[in-house]
């Protein structure tokens, strides 16, 4: 059967959305709106796989929703919602827990990285969350997922689960009216051009992260113009001038990072940035980067603040999106229950 093209993606509400989240994900979400039907989810069930302060979690959910809208996602044309308001995500995840094999889950590298050496004290949710991620995608029978490098393995697992479900229940799927025996699609990774990998402003060898103890390591989407300027001024560099060609950035991670950020914000290439600023001092380049970052990010931060101050409005957007998402998700679960052999109303 031909599945209708549908994009699904989600962002965790764990506080301090930063430039890396924006350039690595949200910019692409905005672009995709003109090409596809999109569902954008604040994945709050994923957030609680590690401890979250309830009041902070509530605030972060609203902040991510505000960031989506402030960046240009249209919540009327597409669906913006938070995962916990659509119980079918968790319901399908349990079915997938029973479809996925333990060996598959043991291969997931992100659990090993996040749990660290103290694996015995990690939550069961952290171990099983790739199964929930598969449910997030497949409860809408989404066909495309924009993902970064670190999520490729999880999308492969999603495809494995979909294939096993289709194979295990082929006869029941056909009996339910799906003539080719395919109920779930093989979701494809959506490549939207080279991903912008944004590194820490304090250490160009580490990814920009909300968990870094230094706030000067990242530009938060909610930062005002003065804060953005101060952070870029204090960003780590080296004493050499900017090179005129990309090859000259090798072994200079901080310079490479700042040039990459400029190129991504300007919608150009590092080569074009170096053609303009190569041979000049970092102070001149940083001044230009400050002007660009403030022009691009300042309005987003201001709009986020305005939106998050109106809790009723943001909660209304999430409630409306969740109601529309449930229409799709409940239809999927109705078929899944019939296929698996549950007795319903």
C-alpha atoms as a PDB file:
ATOM      1  CA  UNK A   1       0.000   0.000   0.000  1.00  0.00           C
ATOM      2  CA  UNK A   2       1.083   3.585  -0.524  1.00  0.00           C
ATOM      3  CA  UNK A   3       1.489   5.448   2.741  1.00  0.00           C
ATOM      4  CA  UNK A   4       0.668   9.148   2.786  1.00  0.00           C
ATOM      5  CA  UNK A   5       3.808  11.307   3.206  1.00  0.00           C
ATOM      6  CA  UNK A   6       3.935  12.534   6.789  1.00  0.00           C
ATOM      7  CA  UNK A   7       6.828  14.000   8.795  1.00  0.00           C
ATOM      8  CA  UNK A   8       7.180  13.405  12.534  1.00  0.00           C
ATOM      9  CA  UNK A   9       9.833  14.814  14.852  1.00  0.00           C
ATOM     10  CA  UNK A  10      10.172  15.688  18.519  1.00  0.00           C
ATOM     11  CA  UNK A  11      12.279  17.755  20.902  1.00  0.00           C
ATOM     12  CA  UNK A  12      12.864  16.921  24.558  1.00  0.00           C
ATOM     13  CA  UNK A  13      11.796  19.577  27.091  1.00  0.00           C
ATOM     14  CA  UNK A  14      14.821  19.441  29.360  1.00  0.00           C
ATOM     15  CA  UNK A  15      15.457  23.184  29.698  1.00  0.00           C
ATOM     16  CA  UNK A  16      17.749  25.707  28.005  1.00  0.00           C
ATOM     17  CA  UNK A  17      17.035  25.247  24.302  1.00  0.00           C
ATOM     18  CA  UNK A  18      20.165  26.520  22.603  1.00  0.00           C
ATOM     19  CA  UNK A  19      21.668  27.434  19.240  1.00  0.00           C
ATOM     20  CA  UNK A  20      22.543  23.776  18.549  1.00  0.00           C
ATOM     21  CA  UNK A  21      18.881  22.738  18.902  1.00  0.00           C
ATOM     22  CA  UNK A  22      17.840  25.599  16.643  1.00  0.00           C
ATOM     23  CA  UNK A  23      20.370  25.071  13.819  1.00  0.00           C
ATOM     24  CA  UNK A  24      20.420  21.273  14.127  1.00  0.00           C
ATOM     25  CA  UNK A  25      16.653  20.706  14.195  1.00  0.00           C
ATOM     26  CA  UNK A  26      14.179  23.587  14.440  1.00  0.00           C
ATOM     27  CA  UNK A  27      15.413  25.449  11.321  1.00  0.00           C
ATOM     28  CA  UNK A  28      14.744  22.294   9.293  1.00  0.00           C
ATOM     29  CA  UNK A  29      11.311  21.835  10.908  1.00  0.00           C
ATOM     30  CA  UNK A  30      10.349  25.292   9.636  1.00  0.00           C
ATOM     31  CA  UNK A  31      11.607  24.540   6.097  1.00  0.00           C
ATOM     32  CA  UNK A  32       9.726  21.229   5.902  1.00  0.00           C
ATOM     33  CA  UNK A  33       6.351  22.893   6.488  1.00  0.00           C
ATOM     34  CA  UNK A  34       6.121  24.084   2.898  1.00  0.00           C
ATOM     35  CA  UNK A  35       6.806  20.594   1.498  1.00  0.00           C
ATOM     36  CA  UNK A  36       5.046  18.133   3.800  1.00  0.00           C
ATOM     37  CA  UNK A  37       2.343  17.591   6.355  1.00  0.00           C
ATOM     38  CA  UNK A  38       4.197  17.786   9.694  1.00  0.00           C
ATOM     39  CA  UNK A  39       3.663  16.670  13.288  1.00  0.00           C
ATOM     40  CA  UNK A  40       6.006  18.302  15.831  1.00  0.00           C
ATOM     41  CA  UNK A  41       6.005  16.909  19.332  1.00  0.00           C
ATOM     42  CA  UNK A  42       7.358  18.064  22.682  1.00  0.00           C
ATOM     43  CA  UNK A  43       8.459  14.630  23.919  1.00  0.00           C
ATOM     44  CA  UNK A  44       7.841  15.014  27.649  1.00  0.00           C
ATOM     45  CA  UNK A  45       7.511  11.254  28.282  1.00  0.00           C
ATOM     46  CA  UNK A  46      11.106  10.899  27.087  1.00  0.00           C
ATOM     47  CA  UNK A  47      12.216  13.708  29.402  1.00  0.00           C
ATOM     48  CA  UNK A  48      11.271  11.780  32.563  1.00  0.00           C
ATOM     49  CA  UNK A  49      13.603   8.869  31.763  1.00  0.00           C
ATOM     50  CA  UNK A  50      15.936  10.917  33.978  1.00  0.00           C
ATOM     51  CA  UNK A  51      14.728  12.929  36.972  1.00  0.00           C
ATOM     52  CA  UNK A  52      12.952  16.204  36.180  1.00  0.00           C
ATOM     53  CA  UNK A  53      11.754  18.763  38.710  1.00  0.00           C
ATOM     54  CA  UNK A  54       7.988  18.888  38.000  1.00  0.00           C
ATOM     55  CA  UNK A  55       7.681  22.698  37.994  1.00  0.00           C
ATOM     56  CA  UNK A  56      10.741  23.012  35.727  1.00  0.00           C
ATOM     57  CA  UNK A  57       9.423  20.311  33.386  1.00  0.00           C
ATOM     58  CA  UNK A  58       6.114  22.166  32.994  1.00  0.00           C
ATOM     59  CA  UNK A  59       8.021  25.367  32.190  1.00  0.00           C
ATOM     60  CA  UNK A  60      10.298  23.579  29.696  1.00  0.00           C
ATOM     61  CA  UNK A  61       7.366  21.975  27.838  1.00  0.00           C
ATOM     62  CA  UNK A  62       5.886  25.415  27.266  1.00  0.00           C
ATOM     63  CA  UNK A  63       9.291  26.825  26.296  1.00  0.00           C
ATOM     64  CA  UNK A  64       9.841  24.225  23.548  1.00  0.00           C
ATOM     65  CA  UNK A  65       6.331  24.832  22.186  1.00  0.00           C
ATOM     66  CA  UNK A  66       7.030  28.588  22.221  1.00  0.00           C
ATOM     67  CA  UNK A  67      10.358  28.022  20.409  1.00  0.00           C
ATOM     68  CA  UNK A  68       8.603  26.058  17.662  1.00  0.00           C
ATOM     69  CA  UNK A  69       6.113  28.882  17.094  1.00  0.00           C
ATOM     70  CA  UNK A  70       8.624  31.736  17.504  1.00  0.00           C
ATOM     71  CA  UNK A  71      10.929  30.108  14.937  1.00  0.00           C
ATOM     72  CA  UNK A  72       8.108  30.028  12.396  1.00  0.00           C
ATOM     73  CA  UNK A  73       6.189  26.743  12.737  1.00  0.00           C
ATOM     74  CA  UNK A  74       2.485  27.273  12.044  1.00  0.00           C
ATOM     75  CA  UNK A  75       0.462  25.345  14.682  1.00  0.00           C
ATOM     76  CA  UNK A  76      -2.750  25.755  12.666  1.00  0.00           C
ATOM     77  CA  UNK A  77      -1.405  24.328   9.404  1.00  0.00           C
ATOM     78  CA  UNK A  78       0.540  21.562  11.194  1.00  0.00           C
ATOM     79  CA  UNK A  79       0.275  19.775  14.547  1.00  0.00           C
ATOM     80  CA  UNK A  80       2.240  20.989  17.584  1.00  0.00           C
ATOM     81  CA  UNK A  81       1.550  19.122  20.822  1.00  0.00           C
ATOM     82  CA  UNK A  82       3.082  17.469  23.872  1.00  0.00           C
ATOM     83  CA  UNK A  83       3.382  13.699  23.951  1.00  0.00           C
ATOM     84  CA  UNK A  84       1.855  13.047  27.396  1.00  0.00           C
ATOM     85  CA  UNK A  85      -1.522  14.403  26.227  1.00  0.00           C
ATOM     86  CA  UNK A  86      -1.777  11.572  23.682  1.00  0.00           C
ATOM     87  CA  UNK A  87      -1.828   8.294  25.686  1.00  0.00           C
ATOM     88  CA  UNK A  88      -1.629   6.193  22.519  1.00  0.00           C
ATOM     89  CA  UNK A  89       2.142   6.881  22.443  1.00  0.00           C
ATOM     90  CA  UNK A  90       2.645   4.946  25.677  1.00  0.00           C
ATOM     91  CA  UNK A  91       0.061   2.324  24.699  1.00  0.00           C
ATOM     92  CA  UNK A  92       1.779   1.501  21.406  1.00  0.00           C
ATOM     93  CA  UNK A  93       5.190   1.600  23.124  1.00  0.00           C
ATOM     94  CA  UNK A  94       4.078  -1.307  25.338  1.00  0.00           C
ATOM     95  CA  UNK A  95       3.047  -3.346  22.289  1.00  0.00           C
ATOM     96  CA  UNK A  96       6.453  -2.555  20.764  1.00  0.00           C
ATOM     97  CA  UNK A  97       8.202  -3.590  24.000  1.00  0.00           C
ATOM     98  CA  UNK A  98       6.702  -6.998  23.308  1.00  0.00           C
ATOM     99  CA  UNK A  99       7.712  -6.961  19.621  1.00  0.00           C
ATOM    100  CA  UNK A 100      11.303  -5.673  20.026  1.00  0.00           C
ATOM    101  CA  UNK A 101      13.972  -8.182  21.043  1.00  0.00           C
ATOM    102  CA  UNK A 102      16.263  -7.733  24.038  1.00  0.00           C
ATOM    103  CA  UNK A 103      19.311  -8.122  21.783  1.00  0.00           C
ATOM    104  CA  UNK A 104      18.157  -5.160  19.705  1.00  0.00           C
ATOM    105  CA  UNK A 105      17.831  -2.958  22.788  1.00  0.00           C
ATOM    106  CA  UNK A 106      21.245  -4.055  24.107  1.00  0.00           C
ATOM    107  CA  UNK A 107      22.845  -2.678  20.947  1.00  0.00           C
ATOM    108  CA  UNK A 108      21.525   0.867  21.542  1.00  0.00           C
ATOM    109  CA  UNK A 109      24.619   2.964  22.200  1.00  0.00           C
ATOM    110  CA  UNK A 110      22.785   5.984  23.637  1.00  0.00           C
ATOM    111  CA  UNK A 111      21.693   4.044  26.725  1.00  0.00           C
ATOM    112  CA  UNK A 112      25.306   3.094  27.414  1.00  0.00           C
ATOM    113  CA  UNK A 113      26.396   6.719  27.014  1.00  0.00           C
ATOM    114  CA  UNK A 114      23.605   8.214  29.135  1.00  0.00           C
ATOM    115  CA  UNK A 115      23.605   5.572  31.872  1.00  0.00           C
ATOM    116  CA  UNK A 116      27.403   5.626  32.160  1.00  0.00           C
ATOM    117  CA  UNK A 117      29.129   3.288  34.608  1.00  0.00           C
ATOM    118  CA  UNK A 118      26.222   3.310  37.061  1.00  0.00           C
ATOM    119  CA  UNK A 119      24.003   1.312  34.702  1.00  0.00           C
ATOM    120  CA  UNK A 120      22.233  -0.643  37.443  1.00  0.00           C
ATOM    121  CA  UNK A 121      20.787   2.608  38.811  1.00  0.00           C
ATOM    122  CA  UNK A 122      19.470   3.870  35.459  1.00  0.00           C
ATOM    123  CA  UNK A 123      15.687   3.847  34.994  1.00  0.00           C
ATOM    124  CA  UNK A 124      13.982   1.125  32.998  1.00  0.00           C
ATOM    125  CA  UNK A 125      12.489   3.973  30.948  1.00  0.00           C
ATOM    126  CA  UNK A 126      15.954   5.112  29.849  1.00  0.00           C
ATOM    127  CA  UNK A 127      16.702   1.573  28.647  1.00  0.00           C
ATOM    128  CA  UNK A 128      13.366   1.118  26.850  1.00  0.00           C
ATOM    129  CA  UNK A 129      12.922   4.607  25.431  1.00  0.00           C
ATOM    130  CA  UNK A 130      13.960   3.664  21.844  1.00  0.00           C
ATOM    131  CA  UNK A 131      10.786   1.548  21.831  1.00  0.00           C
ATOM    132  CA  UNK A 132       8.757   4.640  22.812  1.00  0.00           C
ATOM    133  CA  UNK A 133      10.561   6.588  20.102  1.00  0.00           C
ATOM    134  CA  UNK A 134       9.412   3.983  17.575  1.00  0.00           C
ATOM    135  CA  UNK A 135       5.859   4.354  18.872  1.00  0.00           C
ATOM    136  CA  UNK A 136       6.059   8.158  18.558  1.00  0.00           C
ATOM    137  CA  UNK A 137       6.746   7.780  14.847  1.00  0.00           C
ATOM    138  CA  UNK A 138       4.564   4.806  14.011  1.00  0.00           C
ATOM    139  CA  UNK A 139       1.446   5.767  15.988  1.00  0.00           C
ATOM    140  CA  UNK A 140       0.976   8.306  13.147  1.00  0.00           C
ATOM    141  CA  UNK A 141       2.364   5.879  10.555  1.00  0.00           C
ATOM    142  CA  UNK A 142       4.808   8.656   9.675  1.00  0.00           C
ATOM    143  CA  UNK A 143       6.903   8.087   6.560  1.00  0.00           C
ATOM    144  CA  UNK A 144       9.766  10.543   7.147  1.00  0.00           C
ATOM    145  CA  UNK A 145      11.760  11.605  10.198  1.00  0.00           C
ATOM    146  CA  UNK A 146      14.329  14.438  10.206  1.00  0.00           C
ATOM    147  CA  UNK A 147      17.135  13.130  12.414  1.00  0.00           C
ATOM    148  CA  UNK A 148      20.693  13.875  13.466  1.00  0.00           C
ATOM    149  CA  UNK A 149      23.604  11.443  13.423  1.00  0.00           C
ATOM    150  CA  UNK A 150      22.943  10.402  17.035  1.00  0.00           C
ATOM    151  CA  UNK A 151      19.408   9.208  16.220  1.00  0.00           C
ATOM    152  CA  UNK A 152      20.142   7.058  13.155  1.00  0.00           C
ATOM    153  CA  UNK A 153      20.384   3.897  15.241  1.00  0.00           C
ATOM    154  CA  UNK A 154      16.964   4.555  16.796  1.00  0.00           C
ATOM    155  CA  UNK A 155      15.334   4.995  13.388  1.00  0.00           C
ATOM    156  CA  UNK A 156      16.860   1.688  12.285  1.00  0.00           C
ATOM    157  CA  UNK A 157      15.273   0.096  15.374  1.00  0.00           C
ATOM    158  CA  UNK A 158      11.934   1.707  14.430  1.00  0.00           C
ATOM    159  CA  UNK A 159      12.181   0.088  11.010  1.00  0.00           C
ATOM    160  CA  UNK A 160      13.080  -3.295  12.570  1.00  0.00           C
ATOM    161  CA  UNK A 161      10.050  -3.105  14.883  1.00  0.00           C
ATOM    162  CA  UNK A 162       7.736  -2.098  12.020  1.00  0.00           C
ATOM    163  CA  UNK A 163       9.020  -4.954   9.863  1.00  0.00           C
ATOM    164  CA  UNK A 164       8.687  -7.549  12.635  1.00  0.00           C
ATOM    165  CA  UNK A 165       5.146  -6.398  13.482  1.00  0.00           C
ATOM    166  CA  UNK A 166       4.181  -6.567   9.794  1.00  0.00           C
ATOM    167  CA  UNK A 167       5.723 -10.053   9.474  1.00  0.00           C
ATOM    168  CA  UNK A 168       4.402 -11.472  12.775  1.00  0.00           C
ATOM    169  CA  UNK A 169       0.818 -10.335  12.132  1.00  0.00           C
ATOM    170  CA  UNK A 170       0.714 -10.543   8.329  1.00  0.00           C
ATOM    171  CA  UNK A 171      -2.434 -12.683   8.218  1.00  0.00           C
ATOM    172  CA  UNK A 172      -4.260 -10.518  10.769  1.00  0.00           C
ATOM    173  CA  UNK A 173      -3.180  -7.317   8.981  1.00  0.00           C
ATOM    174  CA  UNK A 174      -4.621  -8.666   5.712  1.00  0.00           C
ATOM    175  CA  UNK A 175      -7.800  -9.768   7.518  1.00  0.00           C
ATOM    176  CA  UNK A 176      -8.153  -6.220   8.868  1.00  0.00           C
ATOM    177  CA  UNK A 177      -8.328  -4.966   5.278  1.00  0.00           C
ATOM    178  CA  UNK A 178      -4.676  -4.129   4.534  1.00  0.00           C
ATOM    179  CA  UNK A 179      -4.377  -6.261   1.426  1.00  0.00           C
ATOM    180  CA  UNK A 180      -0.583  -6.270   1.082  1.00  0.00           C
ATOM    181  CA  UNK A 181      -0.018  -7.236   4.724  1.00  0.00           C
ATOM    182  CA  UNK A 182       1.760  -3.966   5.544  1.00  0.00           C
ATOM    183  CA  UNK A 183       0.367  -1.947   8.424  1.00  0.00           C
ATOM    184  CA  UNK A 184       3.384   0.143   9.473  1.00  0.00           C
ATOM    185  CA  UNK A 185       5.610   1.980   6.963  1.00  0.00           C
ATOM    186  CA  UNK A 186       9.394   1.761   6.855  1.00  0.00           C
ATOM    187  CA  UNK A 187      10.017   5.337   8.024  1.00  0.00           C
ATOM    188  CA  UNK A 188      12.822   7.027   6.089  1.00  0.00           C
ATOM    189  CA  UNK A 189      15.422   9.418   7.532  1.00  0.00           C
ATOM    190  CA  UNK A 190      14.898  12.865   6.082  1.00  0.00           C
ATOM    191  CA  UNK A 191      18.136  14.437   4.923  1.00  0.00           C
ATOM    192  CA  UNK A 192      17.680  18.193   4.637  1.00  0.00           C
ATOM    193  CA  UNK A 193      21.266  19.026   3.679  1.00  0.00           C
ATOM    194  CA  UNK A 194      24.428  18.911   5.791  1.00  0.00           C
ATOM    195  CA  UNK A 195      23.504  18.984   9.484  1.00  0.00           C
ATOM    196  CA  UNK A 196      24.939  21.892  11.432  1.00  0.00           C
ATOM    197  CA  UNK A 197      26.952  20.445  14.289  1.00  0.00           C
ATOM    198  CA  UNK A 198      27.264  23.269  16.805  1.00  0.00           C
ATOM    199  CA  UNK A 199      30.072  22.935  19.331  1.00  0.00           C
ATOM    200  CA  UNK A 200      30.660  24.542  22.734  1.00  0.00           C
ATOM    201  CA  UNK A 201      31.830  28.166  22.736  1.00  0.00           C
ATOM    202  CA  UNK A 202      34.325  27.212  25.469  1.00  0.00           C
ATOM    203  CA  UNK A 203      35.683  24.005  23.873  1.00  0.00           C
ATOM    204  CA  UNK A 204      35.378  23.408  20.141  1.00  0.00           C
ATOM    205  CA  UNK A 205      35.844  19.639  20.565  1.00  0.00           C
ATOM    206  CA  UNK A 206      32.627  19.208  22.610  1.00  0.00           C
ATOM    207  CA  UNK A 207      29.043  19.505  21.404  1.00  0.00           C
ATOM    208  CA  UNK A 208      27.067  22.543  22.594  1.00  0.00           C
ATOM    209  CA  UNK A 209      25.010  21.157  25.457  1.00  0.00           C
ATOM    210  CA  UNK A 210      22.344  22.306  27.880  1.00  0.00           C
ATOM    211  CA  UNK A 211      24.031  20.186  30.578  1.00  0.00           C
ATOM    212  CA  UNK A 212      27.362  22.075  30.423  1.00  0.00           C
ATOM    213  CA  UNK A 213      27.796  23.864  33.785  1.00  0.00           C
ATOM    214  CA  UNK A 214      29.035  27.047  32.060  1.00  0.00           C
ATOM    215  CA  UNK A 215      26.271  29.163  30.524  1.00  0.00           C
ATOM    216  CA  UNK A 216      29.025  30.793  28.402  1.00  0.00           C
ATOM    217  CA  UNK A 217      29.430  27.477  26.548  1.00  0.00           C
ATOM    218  CA  UNK A 218      26.148  27.981  24.680  1.00  0.00           C
ATOM    219  CA  UNK A 219      23.810  30.586  23.234  1.00  0.00           C
ATOM    220  CA  UNK A 220      20.328  29.936  24.605  1.00  0.00           C
ATOM    221  CA  UNK A 221      17.388  30.725  22.354  1.00  0.00           C
ATOM    222  CA  UNK A 222      15.933  32.867  25.137  1.00  0.00           C
ATOM    223  CA  UNK A 223      19.129  34.989  25.508  1.00  0.00           C
ATOM    224  CA  UNK A 224      18.723  38.714  24.859  1.00  0.00           C
ATOM    225  CA  UNK A 225      20.950  40.722  22.484  1.00  0.00           C
ATOM    226  CA  UNK A 226      23.430  41.833  25.171  1.00  0.00           C
ATOM    227  CA  UNK A 227      23.894  38.275  26.444  1.00  0.00           C
ATOM    228  CA  UNK A 228      24.409  36.907  22.913  1.00  0.00           C
ATOM    229  CA  UNK A 229      27.025  39.615  22.225  1.00  0.00           C
ATOM    230  CA  UNK A 230      28.865  38.951  25.490  1.00  0.00           C
ATOM    231  CA  UNK A 231      28.988  35.181  24.917  1.00  0.00           C
ATOM    232  CA  UNK A 232      30.369  35.530  21.371  1.00  0.00           C
ATOM    233  CA  UNK A 233      32.963  38.090  22.542  1.00  0.00           C
ATOM    234  CA  UNK A 234      34.137  35.651  25.232  1.00  0.00           C
ATOM    235  CA  UNK A 235      34.020  32.585  22.950  1.00  0.00           C
ATOM    236  CA  UNK A 236      37.336  30.747  22.881  1.00  0.00           C
ATOM    237  CA  UNK A 237      39.529  31.375  19.821  1.00  0.00           C
ATOM    238  CA  UNK A 238      43.213  31.036  18.946  1.00  0.00           C
ATOM    239  CA  UNK A 239      45.784  33.768  18.188  1.00  0.00           C
ATOM    240  CA  UNK A 240      45.985  33.089  14.439  1.00  0.00           C
ATOM    241  CA  UNK A 241      43.965  35.122  11.900  1.00  0.00           C
ATOM    242  CA  UNK A 242      41.129  33.394  10.042  1.00  0.00           C
ATOM    243  CA  UNK A 243      42.362  31.343   7.073  1.00  0.00           C
ATOM    244  CA  UNK A 244      41.162  32.074   3.538  1.00  0.00           C
ATOM    245  CA  UNK A 245      40.322  28.419   2.782  1.00  0.00           C
ATOM    246  CA  UNK A 246      38.545  25.641   4.713  1.00  0.00           C
ATOM    247  CA  UNK A 247      41.698  23.506   4.823  1.00  0.00           C
ATOM    248  CA  UNK A 248      43.197  26.137   7.124  1.00  0.00           C
ATOM    249  CA  UNK A 249      40.541  25.357   9.759  1.00  0.00           C
ATOM    250  CA  UNK A 250      41.950  21.853  10.330  1.00  0.00           C
ATOM    251  CA  UNK A 251      43.231  21.471  13.887  1.00  0.00           C
ATOM    252  CA  UNK A 252      41.479  24.717  14.888  1.00  0.00           C
ATOM    253  CA  UNK A 253      38.157  23.498  16.366  1.00  0.00           C
ATOM    254  CA  UNK A 254      37.072  26.818  17.888  1.00  0.00           C
ATOM    255  CA  UNK A 255      37.668  28.754  14.655  1.00  0.00           C
ATOM    256  CA  UNK A 256      35.923  26.001  12.688  1.00  0.00           C
ATOM    257  CA  UNK A 257      32.926  26.161  15.038  1.00  0.00           C
ATOM    258  CA  UNK A 258      32.458  29.947  14.822  1.00  0.00           C
ATOM    259  CA  UNK A 259      32.793  29.927  11.026  1.00  0.00           C
ATOM    260  CA  UNK A 260      30.227  27.073  10.875  1.00  0.00           C
ATOM    261  CA  UNK A 261      27.797  28.990  13.089  1.00  0.00           C
ATOM    262  CA  UNK A 262      28.134  32.110  10.926  1.00  0.00           C
ATOM    263  CA  UNK A 263      27.579  30.079   7.729  1.00  0.00           C
ATOM    264  CA  UNK A 264      24.478  28.341   9.156  1.00  0.00           C
ATOM    265  CA  UNK A 265      22.904  31.578  10.418  1.00  0.00           C
ATOM    266  CA  UNK A 266      23.633  33.359   7.118  1.00  0.00           C
ATOM    267  CA  UNK A 267      22.444  30.427   4.985  1.00  0.00           C
ATOM    268  CA  UNK A 268      25.799  30.237   3.202  1.00  0.00           C
ATOM    269  CA  UNK A 269      28.909  27.990   3.225  1.00  0.00           C
ATOM    270  CA  UNK A 270      32.065  28.103   5.378  1.00  0.00           C
ATOM    271  CA  UNK A 271      34.038  28.638   2.145  1.00  0.00           C
ATOM    272  CA  UNK A 272      32.008  31.788   1.381  1.00  0.00           C
ATOM    273  CA  UNK A 273      32.500  33.062   4.964  1.00  0.00           C
ATOM    274  CA  UNK A 274      36.274  32.585   4.708  1.00  0.00           C
ATOM    275  CA  UNK A 275      36.355  34.251   1.298  1.00  0.00           C
ATOM    276  CA  UNK A 276      34.890  37.340   2.978  1.00  0.00           C
ATOM    277  CA  UNK A 277      36.680  37.307   6.351  1.00  0.00           C
ATOM    278  CA  UNK A 278      39.815  35.203   5.704  1.00  0.00           C
ATOM    279  CA  UNK A 279      43.098  36.885   6.650  1.00  0.00           C
ATOM    280  CA  UNK A 280      41.336  39.204   9.096  1.00  0.00           C
ATOM    281  CA  UNK A 281      41.497  39.242  12.880  1.00  0.00           C
ATOM    282  CA  UNK A 282      39.048  37.341  15.022  1.00  0.00           C
ATOM    283  CA  UNK A 283      37.829  40.563  16.648  1.00  0.00           C
ATOM    284  CA  UNK A 284      36.475  41.818  13.288  1.00  0.00           C
ATOM    285  CA  UNK A 285      34.874  38.463  12.503  1.00  0.00           C
ATOM    286  CA  UNK A 286      33.334  38.190  15.977  1.00  0.00           C
ATOM    287  CA  UNK A 287      31.794  41.645  15.557  1.00  0.00           C
ATOM    288  CA  UNK A 288      30.129  40.515  12.312  1.00  0.00           C
ATOM    289  CA  UNK A 289      28.984  37.261  13.958  1.00  0.00           C
ATOM    290  CA  UNK A 290      27.448  39.209  16.868  1.00  0.00           C
ATOM    291  CA  UNK A 291      25.480  41.427  14.458  1.00  0.00           C
ATOM    292  CA  UNK A 292      24.243  38.385  12.518  1.00  0.00           C
ATOM    293  CA  UNK A 293      23.355  36.303  15.606  1.00  0.00           C
ATOM    294  CA  UNK A 294      21.476  39.173  17.255  1.00  0.00           C
ATOM    295  CA  UNK A 295      19.561  39.895  14.024  1.00  0.00           C
ATOM    296  CA  UNK A 296      18.573  36.214  13.570  1.00  0.00           C
ATOM    297  CA  UNK A 297      18.084  35.055  17.161  1.00  0.00           C
ATOM    298  CA  UNK A 298      16.994  38.238  18.925  1.00  0.00           C
ATOM    299  CA  UNK A 299      13.448  38.252  17.478  1.00  0.00           C
ATOM    300  CA  UNK A 300      13.030  34.523  18.273  1.00  0.00           C
ATOM    301  CA  UNK A 301      14.074  35.036  21.905  1.00  0.00           C
ATOM    302  CA  UNK A 302      11.768  38.051  22.266  1.00  0.00           C
ATOM    303  CA  UNK A 303       8.811  36.161  20.784  1.00  0.00           C
ATOM    304  CA  UNK A 304       9.512  33.142  23.024  1.00  0.00           C
ATOM    305  CA  UNK A 305       9.374  35.400  26.080  1.00  0.00           C
ATOM    306  CA  UNK A 306       6.110  36.944  24.906  1.00  0.00           C
ATOM    307  CA  UNK A 307       4.542  33.529  24.223  1.00  0.00           C
ATOM    308  CA  UNK A 308       5.687  31.858  27.466  1.00  0.00           C
ATOM    309  CA  UNK A 309       4.293  34.768  29.460  1.00  0.00           C
ATOM    310  CA  UNK A 310       0.840  33.855  28.084  1.00  0.00           C
ATOM    311  CA  UNK A 311       0.402  30.377  29.573  1.00  0.00           C
ATOM    312  CA  UNK A 312      -3.245  30.141  28.528  1.00  0.00           C
ATOM    313  CA  UNK A 313      -2.322  30.697  24.877  1.00  0.00           C
ATOM    314  CA  UNK A 314       0.530  28.138  24.836  1.00  0.00           C
ATOM    315  CA  UNK A 315      -1.555  25.553  26.701  1.00  0.00           C
ATOM    316  CA  UNK A 316      -4.375  26.152  24.209  1.00  0.00           C
ATOM    317  CA  UNK A 317      -2.011  25.473  21.270  1.00  0.00           C
ATOM    318  CA  UNK A 318      -0.828  22.227  22.926  1.00  0.00           C
ATOM    319  CA  UNK A 319      -4.389  21.121  23.766  1.00  0.00           C
ATOM    320  CA  UNK A 320      -5.605  21.781  20.215  1.00  0.00           C
ATOM    321  CA  UNK A 321      -2.598  19.974  18.710  1.00  0.00           C
ATOM    322  CA  UNK A 322      -3.036  17.034  21.076  1.00  0.00           C
ATOM    323  CA  UNK A 323      -6.723  16.675  20.187  1.00  0.00           C
ATOM    324  CA  UNK A 324      -5.853  16.616  16.474  1.00  0.00           C
ATOM    325  CA  UNK A 325      -2.972  14.179  17.080  1.00  0.00           C
ATOM    326  CA  UNK A 326      -5.274  11.846  19.050  1.00  0.00           C
ATOM    327  CA  UNK A 327      -7.642  11.534  16.095  1.00  0.00           C
ATOM    328  CA  UNK A 328      -4.788   9.988  14.080  1.00  0.00           C
ATOM    329  CA  UNK A 329      -3.210   8.022  16.940  1.00  0.00           C
ATOM    330  CA  UNK A 330      -6.481   6.476  18.167  1.00  0.00           C
ATOM    331  CA  UNK A 331      -7.249   5.214  14.664  1.00  0.00           C
ATOM    332  CA  UNK A 332      -3.844   3.481  14.530  1.00  0.00           C
ATOM    333  CA  UNK A 333      -4.365   1.931  17.982  1.00  0.00           C
ATOM    334  CA  UNK A 334      -7.859   0.721  17.051  1.00  0.00           C
ATOM    335  CA  UNK A 335      -6.325  -1.307  14.221  1.00  0.00           C
ATOM    336  CA  UNK A 336      -3.337  -2.465  16.324  1.00  0.00           C
ATOM    337  CA  UNK A 337      -5.631  -3.858  19.030  1.00  0.00           C
ATOM    338  CA  UNK A 338      -7.684  -5.718  16.461  1.00  0.00           C
ATOM    339  CA  UNK A 339      -4.551  -7.077  14.731  1.00  0.00           C
ATOM    340  CA  UNK A 340      -2.888  -8.197  18.006  1.00  0.00           C
ATOM    341  CA  UNK A 341      -6.095  -9.942  19.151  1.00  0.00           C
ATOM    342  CA  UNK A 342      -7.361  -7.744  21.997  1.00  0.00           C
ATOM    343  CA  UNK A 343     -11.077  -7.620  22.782  1.00  0.00           C
ATOM    344  CA  UNK A 344     -12.513  -4.108  22.698  1.00  0.00           C
ATOM    345  CA  UNK A 345     -15.843  -2.348  22.901  1.00  0.00           C
END
